[in-house]
Amino acid sequence: MSDLKISICMPIYNNASYLSEAIDSALSQEFQNFELLIIDDCSTDNSAAIAEKYANNDLRVRFIRNPENLGMVHNWNRCLELAEGEYIRFLFGDDFFSSPDALTIMLEAMLKYPDVVLVASARSIVDEQSNIIERITNFSDHFSAEGRNVIRRCMRRINRDHNLIGEPSAVMFRKNAAKRGFDIRYRQLVDLEMWFHIMEQGRFIYLAEPLCSFRHHAGQQTKKNEIELNFIDDLTYLFNDYLEKPYVGIGKIARTYLMYYQFYKLLKHAKQGQHDMDVANRKIRSLYGPWRFTLLRPFYRLYTPYWQLKRIIAKKVGKE
């Protein structure tokens, strides 16, 4: 196992407040054959200075500063392009590994099952002071399944859980399964779409032990995406890209319902003050036009009890 190399990819942008904690958690890993590839996307704080200091003091750290700002997804892809390891483990500059065994545990799972292309773990959600807010576990310990079956499960539950797999800091995958790179159309579900792409190529394993800590704070990109409602655009892309795939097994009527549900929920939350109403209406009009959304509402209300019954049955027979 010591001959195998892991690339810990850390794309950073204005993470100075949390960066040292993230880097220290990587450098303290018991598994030592790794590179820590830090790529700064033109931060305006002192993130670059912090990363460069670590690179000057530790040969495992490779620091690169982009000559111009590439944007989040392009910077993730640059990490993939420059990573030298056979296995990839992203770690964002505001997250950190919860255990010094985080690399070892995931790598052992992948080595035990050569057909596994993606391993994910439970994660702790922490605040700005690194205090644990909650722990998220979406599968049983050492859950394993064919990737396409997991994609089907994710798509059938997407009206409740937008990402059952987890954020990039919570997964490890084989680099050769991710050669395509992250899809630059996506803004918020870009990681989930990549996990789908990878899982189409093999098996998935989930570990219920929280091996990483994902930080919630006001400055993170996820918060900005929520304000701009980028998630609804990404859901539209994801539905178009995966809902019609035969292995997902969702018919045309159900696909229409699932798409409508997301926009109906968006409008409902906007009326409750959770989103900007003008932005929500603009998103709805962009997909449904001026009248189709309103005309589909009776269909939505009639189909909802049927869909809920299908979900109950699927859960009882273990298909969800």
C-alpha atoms as a PDB file:
ATOM      1  CA  MET A   1       0.000   0.000   0.000  1.00  0.00           C
ATOM      2  CA  SER A   2       2.940   2.330   0.666  1.00  0.00           C
ATOM      3  CA  ASP A   3       3.811   2.221  -3.048  1.00  0.00           C
ATOM      4  CA  LEU A   4       0.476   3.792  -3.986  1.00  0.00           C
ATOM      5  CA  LYS A   5       0.225   7.530  -4.188  1.00  0.00           C
ATOM      6  CA  ILE A   6      -2.682   9.761  -3.243  1.00  0.00           C
ATOM      7  CA  SER A   7      -3.116  13.318  -4.429  1.00  0.00           C
ATOM      8  CA  ILE A   8      -4.833  15.509  -1.858  1.00  0.00           C
ATOM      9  CA  CYS A   9      -6.199  18.284  -4.053  1.00  0.00           C
ATOM     10  CA  MET A  10      -6.854  21.598  -2.346  1.00  0.00           C
ATOM     11  CA  PRO A  11      -8.274  24.317  -4.619  1.00  0.00           C
ATOM     12  CA  ILE A  12      -8.337  27.515  -2.580  1.00  0.00           C
ATOM     13  CA  TYR A  13      -9.788  31.000  -2.859  1.00  0.00           C
ATOM     14  CA  ASN A  14      -9.758  33.398   0.109  1.00  0.00           C
ATOM     15  CA  ASN A  15      -9.542  30.623   2.706  1.00  0.00           C
ATOM     16  CA  ALA A  16      -6.922  32.271   4.915  1.00  0.00           C
ATOM     17  CA  SER A  17      -9.047  32.066   8.074  1.00  0.00           C
ATOM     18  CA  TYR A  18      -9.218  28.273   7.934  1.00  0.00           C
ATOM     19  CA  LEU A  19      -6.378  27.206   5.646  1.00  0.00           C
ATOM     20  CA  SER A  20      -3.792  26.252   8.277  1.00  0.00           C
ATOM     21  CA  GLU A  21      -6.250  23.897   9.972  1.00  0.00           C
ATOM     22  CA  ALA A  22      -7.002  22.238   6.635  1.00  0.00           C
ATOM     23  CA  ILE A  23      -3.330  21.827   5.686  1.00  0.00           C
ATOM     24  CA  ASP A  24      -2.328  20.587   9.148  1.00  0.00           C
ATOM     25  CA  SER A  25      -5.043  17.916   9.033  1.00  0.00           C
ATOM     26  CA  ALA A  26      -3.610  16.689   5.718  1.00  0.00           C
ATOM     27  CA  LEU A  27       0.020  16.691   6.802  1.00  0.00           C
ATOM     28  CA  SER A  28      -0.813  14.782  10.002  1.00  0.00           C
ATOM     29  CA  GLN A  29      -2.217  11.789   8.113  1.00  0.00           C
ATOM     30  CA  GLU A  30      -0.706   8.425   9.074  1.00  0.00           C
ATOM     31  CA  PHE A  31      -0.546   7.359   5.434  1.00  0.00           C
ATOM     32  CA  GLN A  32       2.428   9.306   4.156  1.00  0.00           C
ATOM     33  CA  ASN A  33       2.761   8.594   0.443  1.00  0.00           C
ATOM     34  CA  PHE A  34       0.768  11.557  -0.765  1.00  0.00           C
ATOM     35  CA  GLU A  35       1.188  14.936  -2.359  1.00  0.00           C
ATOM     36  CA  LEU A  36      -0.758  17.915  -1.146  1.00  0.00           C
ATOM     37  CA  LEU A  37      -1.489  19.921  -4.283  1.00  0.00           C
ATOM     38  CA  ILE A  38      -2.664  23.432  -3.389  1.00  0.00           C
ATOM     39  CA  ILE A  39      -3.815  25.653  -6.249  1.00  0.00           C
ATOM     40  CA  ASP A  40      -4.739  29.222  -5.375  1.00  0.00           C
ATOM     41  CA  ASP A  41      -7.217  30.911  -7.725  1.00  0.00           C
ATOM     42  CA  CYS A  42      -5.918  34.463  -7.226  1.00  0.00           C
ATOM     43  CA  SER A  43      -7.015  34.944  -3.621  1.00  0.00           C
ATOM     44  CA  THR A  44      -7.204  38.520  -2.405  1.00  0.00           C
ATOM     45  CA  ASP A  45      -6.385  37.619   1.210  1.00  0.00           C
ATOM     46  CA  ASN A  46      -3.133  36.010   2.416  1.00  0.00           C
ATOM     47  CA  SER A  47      -4.110  32.438   1.453  1.00  0.00           C
ATOM     48  CA  ALA A  48      -1.239  32.247  -1.042  1.00  0.00           C
ATOM     49  CA  ALA A  49       1.334  33.339   1.543  1.00  0.00           C
ATOM     50  CA  ILE A  50       0.109  30.703   4.009  1.00  0.00           C
ATOM     51  CA  ALA A  51       0.197  27.925   1.403  1.00  0.00           C
ATOM     52  CA  GLU A  52       3.609  28.987   0.091  1.00  0.00           C
ATOM     53  CA  LYS A  53       5.066  28.886   3.601  1.00  0.00           C
ATOM     54  CA  TYR A  54       3.946  25.265   4.008  1.00  0.00           C
ATOM     55  CA  ALA A  55       5.332  24.375   0.568  1.00  0.00           C
ATOM     56  CA  ASN A  56       8.717  25.824   1.478  1.00  0.00           C
ATOM     57  CA  ASN A  57       8.874  23.709   4.644  1.00  0.00           C
ATOM     58  CA  ASP A  58       7.434  20.373   3.493  1.00  0.00           C
ATOM     59  CA  LEU A  59       8.321  18.523   0.293  1.00  0.00           C
ATOM     60  CA  ARG A  60       4.893  16.850   0.229  1.00  0.00           C
ATOM     61  CA  VAL A  61       3.258  20.217  -0.439  1.00  0.00           C
ATOM     62  CA  ARG A  62       3.139  21.503  -4.020  1.00  0.00           C
ATOM     63  CA  PHE A  63       1.825  25.045  -4.328  1.00  0.00           C
ATOM     64  CA  ILE A  64       0.670  26.727  -7.561  1.00  0.00           C
ATOM     65  CA  ARG A  65      -0.920  30.139  -7.985  1.00  0.00           C
ATOM     66  CA  ASN A  66      -3.045  30.658 -11.086  1.00  0.00           C
ATOM     67  CA  PRO A  67      -1.953  33.654 -13.190  1.00  0.00           C
ATOM     68  CA  GLU A  68      -5.613  34.671 -13.463  1.00  0.00           C
ATOM     69  CA  ASN A  69      -8.844  33.724 -11.721  1.00  0.00           C
ATOM     70  CA  LEU A  70     -10.272  30.604 -13.369  1.00  0.00           C
ATOM     71  CA  GLY A  71     -13.420  30.209 -11.283  1.00  0.00           C
ATOM     72  CA  MET A  72     -14.328  27.351  -8.968  1.00  0.00           C
ATOM     73  CA  VAL A  73     -15.002  24.488 -11.383  1.00  0.00           C
ATOM     74  CA  HIS A  74     -12.091  25.285 -13.695  1.00  0.00           C
ATOM     75  CA  ASN A  75      -9.785  25.343 -10.664  1.00  0.00           C
ATOM     76  CA  TRP A  76     -11.071  21.945  -9.548  1.00  0.00           C
ATOM     77  CA  ASN A  77     -10.278  20.625 -13.006  1.00  0.00           C
ATOM     78  CA  ARG A  78      -6.799  22.117 -12.907  1.00  0.00           C
ATOM     79  CA  CYS A  79      -6.224  20.170  -9.699  1.00  0.00           C
ATOM     80  CA  LEU A  80      -7.236  16.970 -11.489  1.00  0.00           C
ATOM     81  CA  GLU A  81      -5.011  17.735 -14.469  1.00  0.00           C
ATOM     82  CA  LEU A  82      -1.914  18.360 -12.354  1.00  0.00           C
ATOM     83  CA  ALA A  83      -2.462  15.651  -9.729  1.00  0.00           C
ATOM     84  CA  GLU A  84       0.156  12.908  -9.906  1.00  0.00           C
ATOM     85  CA  GLY A  85      -1.507  10.346  -7.657  1.00  0.00           C
ATOM     86  CA  GLU A  86      -3.437   7.261  -8.665  1.00  0.00           C
ATOM     87  CA  TYR A  87      -6.121   8.174  -6.130  1.00  0.00           C
ATOM     88  CA  ILE A  88      -7.707  11.605  -5.626  1.00  0.00           C
ATOM     89  CA  ARG A  89      -8.882  13.034  -2.313  1.00  0.00           C
ATOM     90  CA  PHE A  90     -10.150  16.602  -2.460  1.00  0.00           C
ATOM     91  CA  LEU A  91      -9.921  18.736   0.660  1.00  0.00           C
ATOM     92  CA  PHE A  92     -11.211  22.286   0.521  1.00  0.00           C
ATOM     93  CA  GLY A  93      -9.327  25.056   2.255  1.00  0.00           C
ATOM     94  CA  ASP A  94     -12.130  25.630   4.752  1.00  0.00           C
ATOM     95  CA  ASP A  95     -12.663  21.931   5.594  1.00  0.00           C
ATOM     96  CA  PHE A  96     -10.395  19.455   7.407  1.00  0.00           C
ATOM     97  CA  PHE A  97      -9.863  15.744   7.941  1.00  0.00           C
ATOM     98  CA  SER A  98     -11.530  14.545  11.148  1.00  0.00           C
ATOM     99  CA  SER A  99      -9.158  11.615  11.626  1.00  0.00           C
ATOM    100  CA  PRO A 100      -5.457  10.955  10.995  1.00  0.00           C
ATOM    101  CA  ASP A 101      -6.629   7.663   9.442  1.00  0.00           C
ATOM    102  CA  ALA A 102      -8.849   9.341   6.843  1.00  0.00           C
ATOM    103  CA  LEU A 103      -6.585   8.448   3.908  1.00  0.00           C
ATOM    104  CA  THR A 104      -5.757   4.961   5.176  1.00  0.00           C
ATOM    105  CA  ILE A 105      -9.352   3.905   5.784  1.00  0.00           C
ATOM    106  CA  MET A 106     -10.582   5.016   2.367  1.00  0.00           C
ATOM    107  CA  LEU A 107      -7.597   3.587   0.493  1.00  0.00           C
ATOM    108  CA  GLU A 108      -7.976   0.214   2.231  1.00  0.00           C
ATOM    109  CA  ALA A 109     -11.611   0.087   1.146  1.00  0.00           C
ATOM    110  CA  MET A 110     -10.639   0.725  -2.477  1.00  0.00           C
ATOM    111  CA  LEU A 111      -7.829  -1.838  -2.426  1.00  0.00           C
ATOM    112  CA  LYS A 112     -10.063  -4.512  -0.937  1.00  0.00           C
ATOM    113  CA  TYR A 113     -12.529  -4.135  -3.810  1.00  0.00           C
ATOM    114  CA  PRO A 114     -10.722  -3.414  -7.120  1.00  0.00           C
ATOM    115  CA  ASP A 115     -14.002  -2.646  -8.898  1.00  0.00           C
ATOM    116  CA  VAL A 116     -14.785   0.209  -6.468  1.00  0.00           C
ATOM    117  CA  VAL A 117     -14.267   3.571  -8.161  1.00  0.00           C
ATOM    118  CA  LEU A 118     -15.642   5.891  -5.455  1.00  0.00           C
ATOM    119  CA  VAL A 119     -15.587   5.797  -1.646  1.00  0.00           C
ATOM    120  CA  ALA A 120     -17.492   8.304   0.471  1.00  0.00           C
ATOM    121  CA  SER A 121     -17.790   8.750   4.203  1.00  0.00           C
ATOM    122  CA  ALA A 122     -20.051  10.375   6.727  1.00  0.00           C
ATOM    123  CA  ARG A 123     -19.030  13.912   7.620  1.00  0.00           C
ATOM    124  CA  SER A 124     -19.267  16.301  10.510  1.00  0.00           C
ATOM    125  CA  ILE A 125     -20.721  19.737   9.890  1.00  0.00           C
ATOM    126  CA  VAL A 126     -18.798  22.378  11.842  1.00  0.00           C
ATOM    127  CA  ASP A 127     -19.185  26.093  12.443  1.00  0.00           C
ATOM    128  CA  GLU A 128     -16.612  28.859  11.991  1.00  0.00           C
ATOM    129  CA  GLN A 129     -14.927  27.871  15.277  1.00  0.00           C
ATOM    130  CA  SER A 130     -14.737  24.175  14.253  1.00  0.00           C
ATOM    131  CA  ASN A 131     -17.455  23.152  16.707  1.00  0.00           C
ATOM    132  CA  ILE A 132     -19.514  20.197  15.510  1.00  0.00           C
ATOM    133  CA  ILE A 133     -23.076  21.183  14.593  1.00  0.00           C
ATOM    134  CA  GLU A 134     -24.247  17.809  13.325  1.00  0.00           C
ATOM    135  CA  ARG A 135     -23.086  14.581  11.747  1.00  0.00           C
ATOM    136  CA  ILE A 136     -24.496  13.441   8.413  1.00  0.00           C
ATOM    137  CA  THR A 137     -24.681   9.756   7.504  1.00  0.00           C
ATOM    138  CA  ASN A 138     -26.774   8.797   4.484  1.00  0.00           C
ATOM    139  CA  PHE A 139     -25.968   5.080   4.192  1.00  0.00           C
ATOM    140  CA  SER A 140     -25.195   2.210   6.544  1.00  0.00           C
ATOM    141  CA  ASP A 141     -21.579   1.432   7.427  1.00  0.00           C
ATOM    142  CA  HIS A 142     -19.645  -0.249   4.614  1.00  0.00           C
ATOM    143  CA  PHE A 143     -22.636   0.032   2.322  1.00  0.00           C
ATOM    144  CA  SER A 144     -21.588  -1.187  -1.102  1.00  0.00           C
ATOM    145  CA  ALA A 145     -23.487  -1.324  -4.372  1.00  0.00           C
ATOM    146  CA  GLU A 146     -23.108  -1.052  -8.099  1.00  0.00           C
ATOM    147  CA  GLY A 147     -22.666   2.600  -8.946  1.00  0.00           C
ATOM    148  CA  ARG A 148     -25.651   2.706 -11.300  1.00  0.00           C
ATOM    149  CA  ASN A 149     -27.897   1.388  -8.527  1.00  0.00           C
ATOM    150  CA  VAL A 150     -26.668   4.211  -6.279  1.00  0.00           C
ATOM    151  CA  ILE A 151     -27.358   6.777  -9.000  1.00  0.00           C
ATOM    152  CA  ARG A 152     -30.898   5.428  -9.300  1.00  0.00           C
ATOM    153  CA  ARG A 153     -31.354   5.698  -5.535  1.00  0.00           C
ATOM    154  CA  CYS A 154     -30.027   9.274  -5.536  1.00  0.00           C
ATOM    155  CA  MET A 155     -32.313  10.336  -8.378  1.00  0.00           C
ATOM    156  CA  ARG A 156     -35.389   8.798  -6.796  1.00  0.00           C
ATOM    157  CA  ARG A 157     -34.693  10.673  -3.552  1.00  0.00           C
ATOM    158  CA  ILE A 158     -33.469  13.913  -5.032  1.00  0.00           C
ATOM    159  CA  ASN A 159     -36.668  15.784  -4.140  1.00  0.00           C
ATOM    160  CA  ARG A 160     -35.620  15.349  -0.496  1.00  0.00           C
ATOM    161  CA  ASP A 161     -31.817  14.939  -0.556  1.00  0.00           C
ATOM    162  CA  HIS A 162     -29.873  16.824  -3.210  1.00  0.00           C
ATOM    163  CA  ASN A 163     -26.574  15.035  -2.524  1.00  0.00           C
ATOM    164  CA  LEU A 164     -26.600  11.691  -0.736  1.00  0.00           C
ATOM    165  CA  ILE A 165     -22.938  11.039  -1.552  1.00  0.00           C
ATOM    166  CA  GLY A 166     -21.422  14.155  -0.017  1.00  0.00           C
ATOM    167  CA  GLU A 167     -19.144  17.075  -0.764  1.00  0.00           C
ATOM    168  CA  PRO A 168     -15.720  16.688  -2.464  1.00  0.00           C
ATOM    169  CA  SER A 169     -13.942  16.678   0.907  1.00  0.00           C
ATOM    170  CA  ALA A 170     -15.889  13.514   1.822  1.00  0.00           C
ATOM    171  CA  VAL A 171     -14.854  11.246  -1.069  1.00  0.00           C
ATOM    172  CA  MET A 172     -11.902   9.439  -2.637  1.00  0.00           C
ATOM    173  CA  PHE A 173     -11.895   8.188  -6.218  1.00  0.00           C
ATOM    174  CA  ARG A 174      -9.640   6.683  -8.846  1.00  0.00           C
ATOM    175  CA  LYS A 175      -8.094   9.336 -11.052  1.00  0.00           C
ATOM    176  CA  ASN A 176      -8.504   7.254 -14.215  1.00  0.00           C
ATOM    177  CA  ALA A 177     -12.283   7.276 -13.674  1.00  0.00           C
ATOM    178  CA  ALA A 178     -12.368  11.077 -13.617  1.00  0.00           C
ATOM    179  CA  LYS A 179     -10.367  11.911 -16.747  1.00  0.00           C
ATOM    180  CA  ARG A 180     -13.326  13.785 -18.219  1.00  0.00           C
ATOM    181  CA  GLY A 181     -13.141  16.387 -15.462  1.00  0.00           C
ATOM    182  CA  PHE A 182     -15.944  18.227 -13.693  1.00  0.00           C
ATOM    183  CA  ASP A 183     -18.737  19.470 -15.957  1.00  0.00           C
ATOM    184  CA  ILE A 184     -18.317  23.234 -16.232  1.00  0.00           C
ATOM    185  CA  ARG A 185     -22.062  23.811 -16.823  1.00  0.00           C
ATOM    186  CA  TYR A 186     -22.738  23.071 -13.154  1.00  0.00           C
ATOM    187  CA  ARG A 187     -22.269  25.466 -10.243  1.00  0.00           C
ATOM    188  CA  GLN A 188     -23.638  23.793  -7.093  1.00  0.00           C
ATOM    189  CA  LEU A 189     -24.250  20.137  -7.972  1.00  0.00           C
ATOM    190  CA  VAL A 190     -21.009  19.894  -9.930  1.00  0.00           C
ATOM    191  CA  ASP A 191     -19.636  17.394  -7.416  1.00  0.00           C
ATOM    192  CA  LEU A 192     -22.730  15.152  -7.459  1.00  0.00           C
ATOM    193  CA  GLU A 193     -22.720  15.031 -11.261  1.00  0.00           C
ATOM    194  CA  MET A 194     -19.060  13.965 -11.175  1.00  0.00           C
ATOM    195  CA  TRP A 195     -19.846  11.239  -8.641  1.00  0.00           C
ATOM    196  CA  PHE A 196     -22.546   9.982 -11.031  1.00  0.00           C
ATOM    197  CA  HIS A 197     -20.067  10.017 -13.918  1.00  0.00           C
ATOM    198  CA  ILE A 198     -17.548   8.036 -11.872  1.00  0.00           C
ATOM    199  CA  MET A 199     -20.102   5.589 -10.453  1.00  0.00           C
ATOM    200  CA  GLU A 200     -21.256   4.661 -13.939  1.00  0.00           C
ATOM    201  CA  GLN A 201     -17.852   2.976 -14.216  1.00  0.00           C
ATOM    202  CA  GLY A 202     -17.882   0.746 -11.123  1.00  0.00           C
ATOM    203  CA  ARG A 203     -18.953   0.150  -7.533  1.00  0.00           C
ATOM    204  CA  PHE A 204     -19.484   2.540  -4.625  1.00  0.00           C
ATOM    205  CA  ILE A 205     -18.641   2.110  -0.935  1.00  0.00           C
ATOM    206  CA  TYR A 206     -19.869   4.250   1.940  1.00  0.00           C
ATOM    207  CA  LEU A 207     -18.211   4.428   5.366  1.00  0.00           C
ATOM    208  CA  ALA A 208     -20.372   5.605   8.255  1.00  0.00           C
ATOM    209  CA  GLU A 209     -17.418   6.960  10.232  1.00  0.00           C
ATOM    210  CA  PRO A 210     -17.110  10.767   9.781  1.00  0.00           C
ATOM    211  CA  LEU A 211     -13.669  11.125   8.216  1.00  0.00           C
ATOM    212  CA  CYS A 212     -13.926  14.802   7.306  1.00  0.00           C
ATOM    213  CA  SER A 213     -15.419  17.982   8.659  1.00  0.00           C
ATOM    214  CA  PHE A 214     -17.318  20.269   6.307  1.00  0.00           C
ATOM    215  CA  ARG A 215     -17.518  23.872   7.434  1.00  0.00           C
ATOM    216  CA  HIS A 216     -20.548  26.147   7.203  1.00  0.00           C
ATOM    217  CA  HIS A 217     -19.695  29.844   7.029  1.00  0.00           C
ATOM    218  CA  ALA A 218     -21.056  32.945   5.356  1.00  0.00           C
ATOM    219  CA  GLY A 219     -18.262  33.326   2.800  1.00  0.00           C
ATOM    220  CA  GLN A 220     -18.376  29.902   1.178  1.00  0.00           C
ATOM    221  CA  GLN A 221     -19.368  29.413  -2.454  1.00  0.00           C
ATOM    222  CA  THR A 222     -22.353  27.245  -1.493  1.00  0.00           C
ATOM    223  CA  LYS A 223     -23.972  30.202   0.278  1.00  0.00           C
ATOM    224  CA  LYS A 224     -23.484  32.403  -2.782  1.00  0.00           C
ATOM    225  CA  ASN A 225     -24.986  29.717  -5.028  1.00  0.00           C
ATOM    226  CA  GLU A 226     -28.039  29.472  -2.769  1.00  0.00           C
ATOM    227  CA  ILE A 227     -28.666  33.205  -3.058  1.00  0.00           C
ATOM    228  CA  GLU A 228     -28.426  33.068  -6.856  1.00  0.00           C
ATOM    229  CA  LEU A 229     -30.554  29.857  -6.924  1.00  0.00           C
ATOM    230  CA  ASN A 230     -27.909  28.073  -9.000  1.00  0.00           C
ATOM    231  CA  PHE A 231     -29.070  24.762  -7.552  1.00  0.00           C
ATOM    232  CA  ILE A 232     -32.290  24.887  -9.583  1.00  0.00           C
ATOM    233  CA  ASP A 233     -30.323  25.290 -12.815  1.00  0.00           C
ATOM    234  CA  ASP A 234     -28.104  22.383 -11.807  1.00  0.00           C
ATOM    235  CA  LEU A 235     -31.097  20.200 -11.012  1.00  0.00           C
ATOM    236  CA  THR A 236     -32.420  20.883 -14.506  1.00  0.00           C
ATOM    237  CA  TYR A 237     -29.075  19.853 -16.017  1.00  0.00           C
ATOM    238  CA  LEU A 238     -28.916  16.761 -13.806  1.00  0.00           C
ATOM    239  CA  PHE A 239     -32.442  15.675 -14.733  1.00  0.00           C
ATOM    240  CA  ASN A 240     -31.725  16.140 -18.424  1.00  0.00           C
ATOM    241  CA  ASP A 241     -28.434  14.252 -18.150  1.00  0.00           C
ATOM    242  CA  TYR A 242     -29.520  11.279 -16.025  1.00  0.00           C
ATOM    243  CA  LEU A 243     -33.283  10.881 -15.551  1.00  0.00           C
ATOM    244  CA  GLU A 244     -33.801   9.321 -18.978  1.00  0.00           C
ATOM    245  CA  LYS A 245     -31.037   6.747 -18.587  1.00  0.00           C
ATOM    246  CA  PRO A 246     -32.539   3.226 -18.708  1.00  0.00           C
ATOM    247  CA  TYR A 247     -30.902   2.056 -15.476  1.00  0.00           C
ATOM    248  CA  VAL A 248     -32.569   4.893 -13.518  1.00  0.00           C
ATOM    249  CA  GLY A 249     -35.943   3.393 -14.404  1.00  0.00           C
ATOM    250  CA  ILE A 250     -38.112   6.505 -14.125  1.00  0.00           C
ATOM    251  CA  GLY A 251     -40.848   6.962 -16.732  1.00  0.00           C
ATOM    252  CA  LYS A 252     -41.730  10.136 -18.575  1.00  0.00           C
ATOM    253  CA  ILE A 253     -44.676  11.056 -16.322  1.00  0.00           C
ATOM    254  CA  ALA A 254     -42.590  10.590 -13.179  1.00  0.00           C
ATOM    255  CA  ARG A 255     -39.767  12.638 -14.713  1.00  0.00           C
ATOM    256  CA  THR A 256     -42.222  15.464 -15.429  1.00  0.00           C
ATOM    257  CA  TYR A 257     -43.433  15.283 -11.838  1.00  0.00           C
ATOM    258  CA  LEU A 258     -39.933  15.308 -10.309  1.00  0.00           C
ATOM    259  CA  MET A 259     -38.903  18.333 -12.341  1.00  0.00           C
ATOM    260  CA  TYR A 260     -42.102  20.214 -11.516  1.00  0.00           C
ATOM    261  CA  TYR A 261     -41.749  19.376  -7.820  1.00  0.00           C
ATOM    262  CA  GLN A 262     -38.397  21.189  -7.638  1.00  0.00           C
ATOM    263  CA  PHE A 263     -39.804  24.375  -9.149  1.00  0.00           C
ATOM    264  CA  TYR A 264     -43.012  24.165  -7.120  1.00  0.00           C
ATOM    265  CA  LYS A 265     -40.915  23.901  -3.944  1.00  0.00           C
ATOM    266  CA  LEU A 266     -38.765  26.802  -5.131  1.00  0.00           C
ATOM    267  CA  LEU A 267     -41.839  29.013  -5.568  1.00  0.00           C
ATOM    268  CA  LYS A 268     -43.238  27.931  -2.204  1.00  0.00           C
ATOM    269  CA  HIS A 269     -40.007  28.792  -0.412  1.00  0.00           C
ATOM    270  CA  ALA A 270     -39.829  32.137  -2.221  1.00  0.00           C
ATOM    271  CA  LYS A 271     -43.329  32.974  -0.960  1.00  0.00           C
ATOM    272  CA  GLN A 272     -42.113  32.120   2.548  1.00  0.00           C
ATOM    273  CA  GLY A 273     -39.267  34.586   2.140  1.00  0.00           C
ATOM    274  CA  GLN A 274     -36.488  31.990   1.819  1.00  0.00           C
ATOM    275  CA  HIS A 275     -35.569  33.053  -1.737  1.00  0.00           C
ATOM    276  CA  ASP A 276     -35.838  36.194  -3.821  1.00  0.00           C
ATOM    277  CA  MET A 277     -39.238  36.043  -5.540  1.00  0.00           C
ATOM    278  CA  ASP A 278     -38.063  37.806  -8.710  1.00  0.00           C
ATOM    279  CA  VAL A 279     -35.164  35.393  -9.135  1.00  0.00           C
ATOM    280  CA  ALA A 280     -37.455  32.394  -8.498  1.00  0.00           C
ATOM    281  CA  ASN A 281     -40.021  33.582 -11.057  1.00  0.00           C
ATOM    282  CA  ARG A 282     -37.275  34.160 -13.606  1.00  0.00           C
ATOM    283  CA  LYS A 283     -35.992  30.598 -13.130  1.00  0.00           C
ATOM    284  CA  ILE A 284     -39.510  29.186 -13.526  1.00  0.00           C
ATOM    285  CA  ARG A 285     -40.221  31.195 -16.677  1.00  0.00           C
ATOM    286  CA  SER A 286     -36.909  30.174 -18.213  1.00  0.00           C
ATOM    287  CA  LEU A 287     -37.965  26.504 -18.190  1.00  0.00           C
ATOM    288  CA  TYR A 288     -41.769  26.554 -18.326  1.00  0.00           C
ATOM    289  CA  GLY A 289     -42.587  29.791 -20.126  1.00  0.00           C
ATOM    290  CA  PRO A 290     -45.379  32.118 -18.959  1.00  0.00           C
ATOM    291  CA  TRP A 291     -48.273  29.605 -18.642  1.00  0.00           C
ATOM    292  CA  ARG A 292     -47.103  25.979 -18.638  1.00  0.00           C
ATOM    293  CA  PHE A 293     -46.067  25.999 -14.963  1.00  0.00           C
ATOM    294  CA  THR A 294     -49.576  27.093 -13.903  1.00  0.00           C
ATOM    295  CA  LEU A 295     -51.276  24.620 -16.257  1.00  0.00           C
ATOM    296  CA  LEU A 296     -49.279  21.711 -14.784  1.00  0.00           C
ATOM    297  CA  ARG A 297     -50.341  22.421 -11.205  1.00  0.00           C
ATOM    298  CA  PRO A 298     -53.485  20.159 -11.290  1.00  0.00           C
ATOM    299  CA  PHE A 299     -51.304  17.319 -12.599  1.00  0.00           C
ATOM    300  CA  TYR A 300     -48.848  17.870  -9.743  1.00  0.00           C
ATOM    301  CA  ARG A 301     -51.585  17.735  -7.095  1.00  0.00           C
ATOM    302  CA  LEU A 302     -53.156  14.591  -8.565  1.00  0.00           C
ATOM    303  CA  TYR A 303     -49.864  12.761  -9.007  1.00  0.00           C
ATOM    304  CA  THR A 304     -48.358  13.576  -5.603  1.00  0.00           C
ATOM    305  CA  PRO A 305     -50.309  10.904  -3.599  1.00  0.00           C
ATOM    306  CA  TYR A 306     -49.407   8.285  -6.222  1.00  0.00           C
ATOM    307  CA  TRP A 307     -45.707   9.221  -6.088  1.00  0.00           C
ATOM    308  CA  GLN A 308     -45.697   9.113  -2.290  1.00  0.00           C
ATOM    309  CA  LEU A 309     -47.283   5.658  -2.353  1.00  0.00           C
ATOM    310  CA  LYS A 310     -44.669   4.445  -4.832  1.00  0.00           C
ATOM    311  CA  ARG A 311     -41.932   5.711  -2.519  1.00  0.00           C
ATOM    312  CA  ILE A 312     -43.412   3.897   0.485  1.00  0.00           C
ATOM    313  CA  ILE A 313     -43.573   0.644  -1.449  1.00  0.00           C
ATOM    314  CA  ALA A 314     -40.053   1.095  -2.839  1.00  0.00           C
ATOM    315  CA  LYS A 315     -38.696   1.722   0.661  1.00  0.00           C
ATOM    316  CA  LYS A 316     -40.363  -1.419   2.021  1.00  0.00           C
ATOM    317  CA  VAL A 317     -38.894  -3.611  -0.714  1.00  0.00           C
ATOM    318  CA  GLY A 318     -35.478  -1.984  -0.373  1.00  0.00           C
ATOM    319  CA  LYS A 319     -35.353  -0.144  -3.681  1.00  0.00           C
ATOM    320  CA  GLU A 320     -34.951   3.304  -2.150  1.00  0.00           C
END
